[in-house]
Protein backbone atom coordinates (compact mmCIF):
# COMPACT_ATOMS: atom_id res chain seq x y z
CA UNK A 1 -8.81 29.86 23.07
CA UNK A 2 -9.39 26.15 23.86
CA UNK A 3 -7.76 23.81 25.88
CA UNK A 4 -8.04 20.15 24.67
CA UNK A 5 -5.84 16.99 25.34
CA UNK A 6 -5.82 15.96 22.11
CA UNK A 7 -6.68 17.38 18.59
CA UNK A 8 -7.66 15.14 15.53
CA UNK A 9 -6.91 17.15 12.27
CA UNK A 10 -9.30 15.72 9.86
CA UNK A 11 -13.59 14.53 9.99
CA UNK A 12 -13.29 11.70 7.82
CA UNK A 13 -13.53 8.03 8.41
CA UNK A 14 -10.14 7.75 10.00
CA UNK A 15 -10.52 11.01 12.13
CA UNK A 16 -13.63 9.79 13.22
CA UNK A 17 -13.00 6.67 14.05
CA UNK A 18 -9.81 7.80 16.35
CA UNK A 19 -12.35 10.45 18.49
CA UNK A 20 -14.47 7.37 18.73
CA UNK A 21 -11.90 5.32 20.28
CA UNK A 22 -10.54 8.52 21.90
CA UNK A 23 -13.44 8.87 23.29
CA UNK A 24 -13.35 5.49 25.86
CA UNK A 25 -10.33 7.51 27.64
CA UNK A 26 -10.68 10.21 29.90
CA UNK A 27 -9.22 12.63 27.49
CA UNK A 28 -10.70 15.73 26.07
CA UNK A 29 -10.95 15.70 22.06
CA UNK A 30 -11.56 17.67 19.27
CA UNK A 31 -11.92 17.31 15.49
CA UNK A 32 -10.95 20.02 13.11
CA UNK A 33 -12.29 19.90 10.08
CA UNK A 34 -12.35 21.96 6.93
CA UNK A 35 -15.91 21.27 5.46
CA UNK A 36 -19.06 22.23 7.12
CA UNK A 37 -19.45 18.34 7.61
CA UNK A 38 -17.63 14.58 7.96
CA UNK A 39 -17.27 12.40 5.13
CA UNK A 40 -16.96 15.09 2.56
CA UNK A 41 -14.27 14.30 1.08
CA UNK A 42 -12.70 10.87 -0.47
CA UNK A 43 -14.06 9.14 3.05
CA UNK A 44 -17.99 9.61 0.36
CA UNK A 45 -15.94 9.09 -2.55
CA UNK A 46 -15.29 5.36 -3.04
CA UNK A 47 -17.05 1.76 -3.54
CA UNK A 48 -18.28 1.63 0.37
CA UNK A 49 -16.64 -2.28 0.10
CA UNK A 50 -15.60 -3.81 3.28
CA UNK A 51 -12.42 -5.65 2.17
CA UNK A 52 -11.50 -9.35 2.59
CA UNK A 53 -7.61 -8.21 2.39
CA UNK A 54 -6.31 -10.47 -0.04
CA UNK A 55 -4.29 -7.98 -2.20
CA UNK A 56 -1.96 -6.52 0.79
CA UNK A 57 1.73 -7.58 1.06
CA UNK A 58 1.80 -10.21 4.02
CA UNK A 59 3.46 -8.21 6.77
CA UNK A 60 2.05 -4.84 5.75
CA UNK A 61 0.15 -2.44 7.86
CA UNK A 62 -2.57 -2.93 5.23
CA UNK A 63 -2.80 -6.36 4.57
CA UNK A 64 -3.09 -6.72 9.02
CA UNK A 65 -5.72 -3.74 9.48
CA UNK A 66 -8.12 -4.88 6.76
CA UNK A 67 -8.36 -8.86 7.64
CA UNK A 68 -9.01 -7.64 11.26
CA UNK A 69 -11.04 -4.80 10.44
CA UNK A 70 -13.72 -7.19 8.18
CA UNK A 71 -13.77 -9.10 10.84
CA UNK A 72 -14.64 -7.46 13.88
CA UNK A 73 -17.57 -5.49 11.50
CA UNK A 74 -20.41 -7.67 12.24
CA UNK A 75 -20.22 -6.08 16.09
CA UNK A 76 -19.08 -2.85 14.77
CA UNK A 77 -22.26 -2.35 12.27
CA UNK A 78 -24.65 -3.28 15.06
CA UNK A 79 -23.24 -1.00 17.52
CA UNK A 80 -23.26 1.76 15.16
CA UNK A 81 -26.56 1.06 13.71
CA UNK A 82 -25.32 1.21 10.09
CA UNK A 83 -26.60 -0.96 7.11
CA UNK A 84 -23.99 -3.79 6.08
CA UNK A 85 -24.09 -7.26 4.12
CA UNK A 86 -21.51 -9.75 3.50
CA UNK A 87 -22.61 -10.48 0.04
CA UNK A 88 -18.55 -11.61 -0.45
CA UNK A 89 -16.92 -11.18 -3.46
CA UNK A 90 -16.00 -12.50 -7.00
CA UNK A 91 -12.66 -11.73 -8.90
CA UNK A 92 -13.30 -12.90 -12.52
CA UNK A 93 -11.44 -14.47 -15.65
CA UNK A 94 -11.57 -14.55 -18.92
CA UNK A 95 -7.58 -15.87 -19.46
CA UNK A 96 -5.34 -17.85 -18.26
CA UNK A 97 -3.40 -15.05 -17.26
CA UNK A 98 -6.19 -14.22 -15.67
CA UNK A 99 -6.30 -17.06 -13.52
CA UNK A 100 -2.89 -17.07 -13.05
CA UNK A 101 -3.01 -13.70 -11.11
CA UNK A 102 -6.04 -14.81 -9.18
CA UNK A 103 -4.49 -17.70 -7.48
CA UNK A 104 -1.14 -15.40 -7.38
CA UNK A 105 -3.57 -13.40 -4.76
CA UNK A 106 -5.67 -16.16 -3.45
CA UNK A 107 -2.54 -17.75 -1.82
CA UNK A 108 -1.58 -13.78 -0.58
CA UNK A 109 -5.03 -14.16 0.72
CA UNK A 110 -4.69 -17.24 2.80
CA UNK A 111 -1.06 -16.24 4.05
CA UNK A 112 -2.68 -13.00 5.36
CA UNK A 113 -5.15 -15.05 7.07
CA UNK A 114 -8.62 -14.47 4.85
CA UNK A 115 -11.52 -17.15 4.83
CA UNK A 116 -13.18 -18.91 2.31
CA UNK A 117 -11.10 -18.24 -0.68
CA UNK A 118 -11.91 -20.51 -3.14
CA UNK A 119 -11.69 -20.92 -7.10
CA UNK A 120 -15.13 -21.81 -8.87
CA UNK A 121 -16.56 -21.87 -12.15
CA UNK A 122 -18.92 -20.77 -14.45
CA UNK A 123 -21.82 -22.60 -13.49
CA UNK A 124 -21.29 -22.13 -9.81
CA UNK A 125 -21.11 -17.71 -10.84
CA UNK A 126 -24.56 -18.43 -12.34
CA UNK A 127 -25.77 -19.95 -9.68
CA UNK A 128 -24.65 -16.87 -7.38
CA UNK A 129 -25.35 -14.25 -9.91
CA UNK A 130 -26.13 -15.02 -13.61
CA UNK A 131 -25.55 -11.15 -14.84
CA UNK A 132 -21.63 -11.34 -13.84
CA UNK A 133 -19.42 -11.30 -15.93
CA UNK A 134 -16.20 -13.67 -16.36
CA UNK A 135 -15.52 -17.17 -17.17
CA UNK A 136 -14.30 -18.54 -13.83
CA UNK A 137 -13.66 -16.44 -10.27
CA UNK A 138 -12.29 -16.73 -6.89
CA UNK A 139 -15.11 -16.45 -4.95
CA UNK A 140 -13.89 -14.56 -1.57
CA UNK A 141 -16.76 -14.94 1.27
CA UNK A 142 -16.16 -12.28 3.75
CA UNK A 143 -16.42 -9.42 1.61
CA UNK A 144 -18.99 -7.30 2.00
CA UNK A 145 -20.70 -3.91 1.34
CA UNK A 146 -21.43 -0.56 3.85
CA UNK A 147 -22.60 3.07 3.31
CA UNK A 148 -19.20 5.21 3.79
CA UNK A 149 -20.77 8.22 4.87
CA UNK A 150 -23.25 6.51 7.24
CA UNK A 151 -20.34 4.58 8.06
CA UNK A 152 -18.54 8.35 8.91
CA UNK A 153 -21.42 9.98 10.53
CA UNK A 154 -22.20 6.89 13.06
CA UNK A 155 -18.52 6.77 14.22
CA UNK A 156 -18.70 10.78 14.76
CA UNK A 157 -22.29 10.84 16.49
CA UNK A 158 -20.85 8.56 18.77
CA UNK A 159 -17.75 9.77 19.31
CA UNK A 160 -19.58 12.99 20.08
CA UNK A 161 -22.49 11.26 22.34
CA UNK A 162 -19.01 9.83 24.45
CA UNK A 163 -17.54 13.48 24.89
CA UNK A 164 -15.53 14.56 21.76
CA UNK A 165 -16.11 17.65 20.32
CA UNK A 166 -16.45 18.35 16.57
CA UNK A 167 -15.24 22.28 14.68
CA UNK A 168 -16.63 22.15 11.56
CA UNK A 169 -15.21 24.45 9.00
CA UNK A 170 -12.06 25.07 10.78
CA UNK A 171 -9.18 24.93 8.22
CA UNK A 172 -5.77 24.18 9.61
CA UNK A 173 -3.39 26.94 8.25
CA UNK A 174 0.00 26.47 10.66
CA UNK A 175 0.59 24.39 13.99
CA UNK A 176 3.74 25.67 16.27
CA UNK A 177 4.59 24.58 19.87
CA UNK A 178 4.71 26.65 22.64
CA UNK A 179 5.94 25.29 25.93
CA UNK A 180 3.95 21.58 26.32
CA UNK A 181 0.94 22.51 23.75
CA UNK A 182 0.83 22.76 20.20
CA UNK A 183 -0.95 26.14 19.12
CA UNK A 184 -3.22 24.85 16.06
CA UNK A 185 -4.41 27.85 14.16
CA UNK A 186 -7.36 27.67 11.29
CA UNK A 187 -8.98 30.13 9.65
CA UNK A 188 -11.70 30.50 12.40
CA UNK A 189 -9.19 30.81 15.40
CA UNK A 190 -7.03 29.33 17.49
CA UNK A 191 -6.71 26.08 19.95
CA UNK A 192 -4.59 24.35 21.53
CA UNK A 193 -3.89 20.80 22.73
CA UNK A 194 -1.12 18.80 24.31
CA UNK A 195 -1.34 16.14 21.42
CA UNK A 196 -1.95 16.55 17.32
CA UNK A 197 -3.42 13.19 15.66
CA UNK A 198 -2.71 14.37 11.84
CA UNK A 199 -5.63 12.24 10.10
CA UNK A 200 -5.80 15.00 7.48
CA UNK A 201 -6.53 12.09 4.58
CA UNK A 202 -5.46 14.19 1.00
CA UNK A 203 -3.62 16.77 3.14
CA UNK A 204 -2.16 14.54 5.48
CA UNK A 205 1.25 15.04 3.62
CA UNK A 206 1.03 18.94 4.68
CA UNK A 207 -0.08 18.61 8.15
CA UNK A 208 2.89 16.03 8.66
CA UNK A 209 5.38 18.62 7.21
CA UNK A 210 3.65 21.04 9.42
CA UNK A 211 4.27 18.55 12.79
CA UNK A 212 8.21 18.79 11.89
CA UNK A 213 7.95 15.12 10.13
CA UNK A 214 9.04 15.04 5.85
CA UNK A 215 6.42 16.45 3.20
CA UNK A 216 5.88 12.47 2.61
CA UNK A 217 6.09 11.74 -1.26
CA UNK A 218 2.52 11.20 -2.20
CA UNK A 219 0.30 10.22 -5.76
CA UNK A 220 -3.30 10.64 -6.42
CA UNK A 221 -4.84 7.58 -8.07
CA UNK A 222 -7.95 9.45 -9.56
CA UNK A 223 -10.81 6.91 -10.26
CA UNK A 224 -14.44 7.71 -11.90
CA UNK A 225 -17.54 6.17 -11.24
CA UNK A 226 -20.96 5.66 -12.85
CA UNK A 227 -24.10 5.39 -10.11
CA UNK A 228 -26.76 2.92 -11.20
CA UNK A 229 -30.87 3.25 -10.81
CA UNK A 230 -32.27 0.63 -8.56
CA UNK A 231 -33.65 -1.47 -11.52
CA UNK A 232 -29.98 -2.22 -12.15
CA UNK A 233 -29.76 -3.04 -8.42
CA UNK A 234 -31.86 -6.01 -8.85
CA UNK A 235 -29.84 -7.24 -11.21
CA UNK A 236 -26.61 -7.83 -9.56
CA UNK A 237 -26.03 -9.23 -5.69
CA UNK A 238 -22.62 -9.58 -5.53
CA UNK A 239 -19.55 -6.79 -6.10
CA UNK A 240 -18.04 -8.00 -9.70
CA UNK A 241 -14.09 -7.72 -9.28
CA UNK A 242 -11.77 -7.94 -13.02
CA UNK A 243 -8.81 -10.11 -11.82
CA UNK A 244 -5.78 -8.18 -10.68
CA UNK A 245 -2.88 -6.78 -13.15
CA UNK A 246 0.11 -7.56 -12.40
CA UNK A 247 1.02 -5.04 -10.15
CA UNK A 248 -2.09 -6.47 -8.04
CA UNK A 249 -4.12 -3.09 -8.49
CA UNK A 250 -8.02 -3.47 -9.63
CA UNK A 251 -9.90 -2.10 -12.76
CA UNK A 252 -13.42 -1.16 -12.98
CA UNK A 253 -16.21 -3.08 -11.30
CA UNK A 254 -18.87 -3.49 -10.76
CA UNK A 255 -20.41 -3.50 -6.90
CA UNK A 256 -24.27 -2.95 -5.74
CA UNK A 257 -24.71 -0.94 -2.57
CA UNK A 258 -25.81 -1.12 0.48
CA UNK A 259 -28.86 0.59 -0.66
CA UNK A 260 -30.21 -0.70 -4.17
CA UNK A 261 -28.32 0.85 -6.45
CA UNK A 262 -25.13 -0.15 -8.50
CA UNK A 263 -21.32 1.26 -8.69
CA UNK A 264 -19.62 1.14 -11.73
CA UNK A 265 -15.97 1.86 -11.27
CA UNK A 266 -13.34 3.06 -10.41
CA UNK A 267 -10.88 3.20 -13.60
CA UNK A 268 -7.45 5.14 -12.31
CA UNK A 269 -5.14 7.91 -13.87
CA UNK A 270 -2.84 10.28 -11.96
CA UNK A 271 -3.90 13.74 -10.84
CA UNK A 272 -1.92 16.05 -8.87
CA UNK A 273 -5.35 18.11 -7.72
CA UNK A 274 -6.24 17.58 -4.05
CA UNK A 275 -9.85 17.84 -4.40
CA UNK A 276 -10.13 17.19 -8.31
CA UNK A 277 -13.45 15.62 -8.59
CA UNK A 278 -14.42 16.62 -12.06
CA UNK A 279 -15.71 14.08 -14.42
CA UNK A 280 -14.34 13.37 -17.85
CA UNK A 281 -16.08 12.23 -21.11
CA UNK A 282 -13.86 9.57 -21.52
CA UNK A 283 -13.08 8.19 -18.77
CA UNK A 284 -16.59 7.45 -18.37
CA UNK A 285 -16.96 6.13 -22.21
CA UNK A 286 -13.82 3.88 -20.68
CA UNK A 287 -16.61 3.09 -17.45
CA UNK A 288 -19.14 2.05 -20.18
CA UNK A 289 -16.76 -0.17 -21.95
CA UNK A 290 -15.01 -2.20 -18.96
CA UNK A 291 -17.89 -2.30 -16.40
CA UNK A 292 -20.07 -4.33 -19.45
CA UNK A 293 -17.62 -6.39 -19.24
CA UNK A 294 -18.13 -7.34 -15.31
CA UNK A 295 -22.02 -6.73 -15.16
CA UNK A 296 -24.11 -7.71 -17.94
CA UNK A 297 -26.69 -5.56 -17.57
CA UNK A 298 -24.38 -2.04 -17.69
CA UNK A 299 -26.80 0.22 -19.93
CA UNK A 300 -27.42 3.54 -20.46
CA UNK A 301 -30.87 3.98 -19.00
CA UNK A 302 -29.65 3.25 -15.68
CA UNK A 303 -27.37 5.87 -15.37
CA UNK A 304 -28.48 8.47 -12.72
CA UNK A 305 -25.15 10.42 -11.67
CA UNK A 306 -21.34 10.04 -11.78
CA UNK A 307 -18.60 11.46 -9.49
CA UNK A 308 -15.05 10.65 -8.77
CA UNK A 309 -12.79 10.37 -6.06
CA UNK A 310 -8.84 10.19 -5.10
CA UNK A 311 -6.59 7.84 -3.42
CA UNK A 312 -3.62 9.57 -2.02
CA UNK A 313 -0.98 6.92 -2.40
CA UNK A 314 2.25 6.72 -0.71
CA UNK A 315 5.31 6.90 -3.43
CA UNK A 316 8.67 6.06 -3.60
CA UNK A 317 9.76 8.98 -5.09
CA UNK A 318 12.50 7.30 -7.05
CA UNK A 319 10.57 4.30 -8.27
CA UNK A 320 6.68 5.20 -7.86
CA UNK A 321 6.28 2.30 -6.25
CA UNK A 322 2.92 2.06 -3.76
CA UNK A 323 4.17 1.82 -0.04
CA UNK A 324 2.42 1.15 3.09
CA UNK A 325 0.05 3.08 4.93
CA UNK A 326 1.89 5.31 7.83
CA UNK A 327 0.93 5.60 11.42
CA UNK A 328 3.75 6.91 13.21
CA UNK A 329 4.80 8.82 16.30
CA UNK A 330 8.18 10.25 16.68
CA UNK A 331 10.44 11.58 19.69
CA UNK A 332 11.57 14.39 17.60
CA UNK A 333 8.03 15.50 16.91
CA UNK A 334 6.39 15.26 20.49
CA UNK A 335 3.06 14.44 21.19
CA UNK A 336 2.10 13.65 17.79
CA UNK A 337 0.97 10.51 15.96
CA UNK A 338 1.43 10.93 12.28
CA UNK A 339 -1.64 9.17 9.63
CA UNK A 340 -0.12 9.80 6.06
CA UNK A 341 -1.29 7.96 2.86
CA UNK A 342 -4.14 6.09 4.54
CA UNK A 343 -6.06 4.84 0.68
CA UNK A 344 -8.06 2.01 0.19
CA UNK A 345 -8.62 0.12 1.57
CA UNK A 346 -9.12 2.82 4.52
CA UNK A 347 -12.83 2.56 5.19
CA UNK A 348 -12.13 -1.41 6.24
CA UNK A 349 -9.06 -0.35 8.29
CA UNK A 350 -10.27 2.38 9.95
CA UNK A 351 -11.22 1.45 13.52
CA UNK A 352 -8.16 -0.82 13.51
CA UNK A 353 -5.54 2.26 12.44
CA UNK A 354 -7.44 4.07 15.10
CA UNK A 355 -6.26 1.46 17.81
CA UNK A 356 -3.33 1.63 16.71
CA UNK A 357 -3.21 5.43 16.97
CA UNK A 358 -5.13 5.89 20.52
CA UNK A 359 -2.42 2.83 21.74
CA UNK A 360 1.25 5.14 20.05
CA UNK A 361 -0.44 8.41 22.12
CA UNK A 362 -0.97 6.43 25.56
CA UNK A 363 2.39 4.74 25.70
CA UNK A 364 3.50 8.07 25.27
CA UNK A 365 1.30 9.65 27.88
CA UNK A 366 2.67 6.98 30.43
CA UNK A 367 6.43 7.36 29.23
CA UNK A 368 5.95 11.02 30.39
CA UNK A 369 4.32 9.66 33.82
CA UNK A 370 0.66 10.67 33.32
CA UNK A 371 -2.09 8.13 33.42
CA UNK A 372 -4.72 8.62 31.61
CA UNK A 373 -8.08 6.10 33.25
CA UNK A 374 -11.21 4.89 30.85
CA UNK A 375 -13.85 6.44 30.46
CA UNK A 376 -16.19 4.09 32.15
CA UNK A 377 -18.65 5.95 31.14
CA UNK A 378 -18.15 5.11 26.95
CA UNK A 379 -21.30 3.51 24.85
CA UNK A 380 -20.59 1.88 21.71
CA UNK A 381 -23.60 1.79 20.69
CA UNK A 382 -24.78 5.15 18.34
CA UNK A 383 -28.95 5.47 18.82
CA UNK A 384 -30.54 5.27 14.92
CA UNK A 385 -34.24 5.45 14.18
CA UNK A 386 -35.41 2.93 11.96
CA UNK A 387 -35.85 4.22 8.62
CA UNK A 388 -39.46 4.21 7.57
CA UNK A 389 -38.57 2.40 4.28
CA UNK A 390 -37.71 -0.38 5.80
CA UNK A 391 -40.22 -0.18 8.64
CA UNK A 392 -43.38 -3.04 7.92
CA UNK A 393 -47.18 -1.60 7.80
CA UNK A 394 -47.91 -1.60 10.66
CA UNK A 395 -44.72 0.21 12.26
CA UNK A 396 -45.38 2.78 9.59
CA UNK A 397 -48.89 2.46 11.30
CA UNK A 398 -47.76 3.37 14.18
CA UNK A 399 -44.71 5.79 13.50
CA UNK A 400 -47.38 7.99 11.52
CA UNK A 401 -49.91 7.78 14.64
CA UNK A 402 -46.89 8.74 17.40
CA UNK A 403 -45.56 11.48 14.89
CA UNK A 404 -47.71 12.69 12.27
CA UNK A 405 -44.80 14.10 10.01
CA UNK A 406 -44.01 10.13 8.86
CA UNK A 407 -47.45 11.13 7.08
CA UNK A 408 -45.82 13.04 4.79
CA UNK A 409 -43.03 11.82 2.24
CA UNK A 410 -40.85 14.31 0.97
CA UNK A 411 -38.49 11.81 -1.17
CA UNK A 412 -40.76 10.09 -2.92
CA UNK A 413 -37.94 8.16 -4.62
CA UNK A 414 -36.45 6.96 -1.77
CA UNK A 415 -39.09 7.29 0.44
CA UNK A 416 -37.98 10.04 3.26
CA UNK A 417 -40.37 11.12 5.20
CA UNK A 418 -40.44 14.62 7.32
CA UNK A 419 -39.68 13.60 10.48
CA UNK A 420 -36.77 11.82 9.11
CA UNK A 421 -35.62 15.36 7.14
CA UNK A 422 -36.11 16.82 10.20
CA UNK A 423 -34.27 14.70 12.51
CA UNK A 424 -31.12 15.58 10.05
CA UNK A 425 -31.64 19.16 10.15
CA UNK A 426 -30.98 18.73 13.78
CA UNK A 427 -28.44 16.13 13.70
CA UNK A 428 -25.51 15.75 16.70
CA UNK A 429 -22.74 17.43 14.72
CA UNK A 430 -24.76 20.81 13.90
CA UNK A 431 -24.57 20.25 10.23
CA UNK A 432 -26.85 22.19 7.93
CA UNK A 433 -26.13 21.93 4.15
CA UNK A 434 -28.46 19.78 1.98
CA UNK A 435 -25.73 17.49 1.41
CA UNK A 436 -25.96 16.83 5.13
CA UNK A 437 -29.67 16.07 5.29
CA UNK A 438 -28.89 13.96 1.61
CA UNK A 439 -25.86 11.74 3.62
CA UNK A 440 -28.16 10.74 6.72
CA UNK A 441 -31.53 10.26 4.72
CA UNK A 442 -30.57 9.59 1.27
CA UNK A 443 -33.19 11.78 0.08
CA UNK A 444 -32.04 13.39 -3.19
CA UNK A 445 -30.42 10.10 -3.88
CA UNK A 446 -33.00 8.45 -6.11
CA UNK A 447 -33.59 8.88 -9.68
CA UNK A 448 -34.46 12.34 -9.71
CA UNK A 449 -31.23 13.48 -8.11
CA UNK A 450 -33.38 15.59 -5.78
CA UNK A 451 -35.18 16.89 -8.72
CA UNK A 452 -38.72 16.83 -6.42
CA UNK A 453 -37.30 17.21 -3.16
CA UNK A 454 -34.19 19.80 -3.02
CA UNK A 455 -36.40 22.47 -2.97
CA UNK A 456 -39.28 21.26 -0.32
CA UNK A 457 -36.02 20.18 2.05
CA UNK A 458 -34.14 24.25 1.43
CA UNK A 459 -37.42 25.22 2.37
CA UNK A 460 -37.35 22.83 5.94
CA UNK A 461 -33.93 24.11 6.52
CA UNK A 462 -34.75 27.61 6.32
CA UNK A 463 -37.95 27.08 8.20
CA UNK A 464 -36.41 25.18 11.23
CA UNK A 465 -32.77 27.02 11.60
CA UNK A 466 -34.69 30.32 11.11
CA UNK A 467 -32.04 30.98 8.30
CA UNK A 468 -32.16 33.11 4.92
CA UNK A 469 -31.84 30.89 1.59
CA UNK A 470 -28.87 33.00 0.59
CA UNK A 471 -27.48 31.12 3.99
CA UNK A 472 -28.43 28.12 2.21
CA UNK A 473 -25.11 25.82 0.80
CA UNK A 474 -24.90 22.89 -0.78
CA UNK A 475 -22.25 20.88 0.86
CA UNK A 476 -19.25 23.63 0.67
CA UNK A 477 -18.86 26.62 3.13
CA UNK A 478 -19.42 28.73 -0.10
CA UNK A 479 -21.33 26.10 -1.58
CA UNK A 480 -24.36 28.73 -1.65
CA UNK A 481 -27.64 27.69 -3.37
CA UNK A 482 -29.34 30.59 -3.87
CA UNK A 483 -27.57 33.93 -4.82
CA UNK A 484 -30.53 36.39 -4.44
CA UNK A 485 -34.17 36.57 -6.32
CA UNK A 486 -34.60 36.24 -9.87
CA UNK A 487 -37.49 37.75 -9.48
CA UNK A 488 -40.38 39.52 -7.14
CA UNK A 489 -43.16 37.66 -7.27
CA UNK A 490 -44.27 39.62 -4.03
């Protein structure tokens, strides 16, 4: 049985952020993730917004961490070499009631420390983006867009580079205490650790109960999305959100992605399924109706994909009121840090929450008479080769001369080369699924959604990893692409 100082349960954006922050210290840490890759749950099923922090209750952890995470993100993106752009955001209105709600949340944002919020009219909206819907808007200049999969992967790779270990396909089934350590049972093996940090996302309430905390009451708010082709992306330069409703929530919005697509969604309805990611015809019809109010070029000819995500919110069981994030460490549950209900704006808040979790751990170590020293070899930079499509002609020529694999395009839609696919197959975390390659390169994310390149990537995985076609999975551990030959072609 392997022994660690700290076991982190969950390889979403929060778990990977905690692993990165822990690697700043001389502590052995392992991340236990039930899926074959990080960012396979709700960390990859969201809008990819860097939120400004104007809809969260002043003084709440959500508000505090959203503003903190927003203001530091230029540095974070530079360290991790992930694409990021401060686009700003328009929160648009059509009626005087909309204006009242927008002004209410403008005041909340100002109280939270959000900078630069201002009301603008239709004329100024037209100068910012004429395809944005609405008659007036609040402009939030500090909002931005990023790729949540790339961000989570970058956090994980940087943590790994600094000493953290990742055990993928290790679903936690039970936890019990033996002496001064926890024994964590998984479906693969047992792991022992002095500390356990719960970052299990949709399953955080279950892990919380295993650790001795209450089984917190949560509700799943499911939201569906359309992904629009890059032909739509050139027509939208800024996220466009509707005026918040009376409870402070946002409905369907239109958001350009960092790679040039447009996301329309999410809507919101209750689900009980922890992984209820199926799309519904009636919900998609609602996205078309409501999305058209935000983005004037919302047209069916641009639709290339749809998906769903679920925000697992802490709620008051009697009133249904949505509650704040929970980050706690209790004496009755020694050597644990519990993070529950980390939903939107979890991407923005990931590193601020991770710092608070690690601070609780360090305080606990100090109280027990242990001195934890800083890791002087910690390197915050995660190296990343420039993508082929980002290169100039001169850079492409030089890359091909240095490595002929750059001269072979595997994914035509996204202009991804064989060299990039090979690098993704041999990634630091040892991920070998098709979506592992997809999330690292954008291959299979274009107009044809893998119609051209998926079979070629499958063949490359087969050859590089010396596996049979029947061993290759799409995303999940049991999501096999092939079950055998249809016919013998030999």
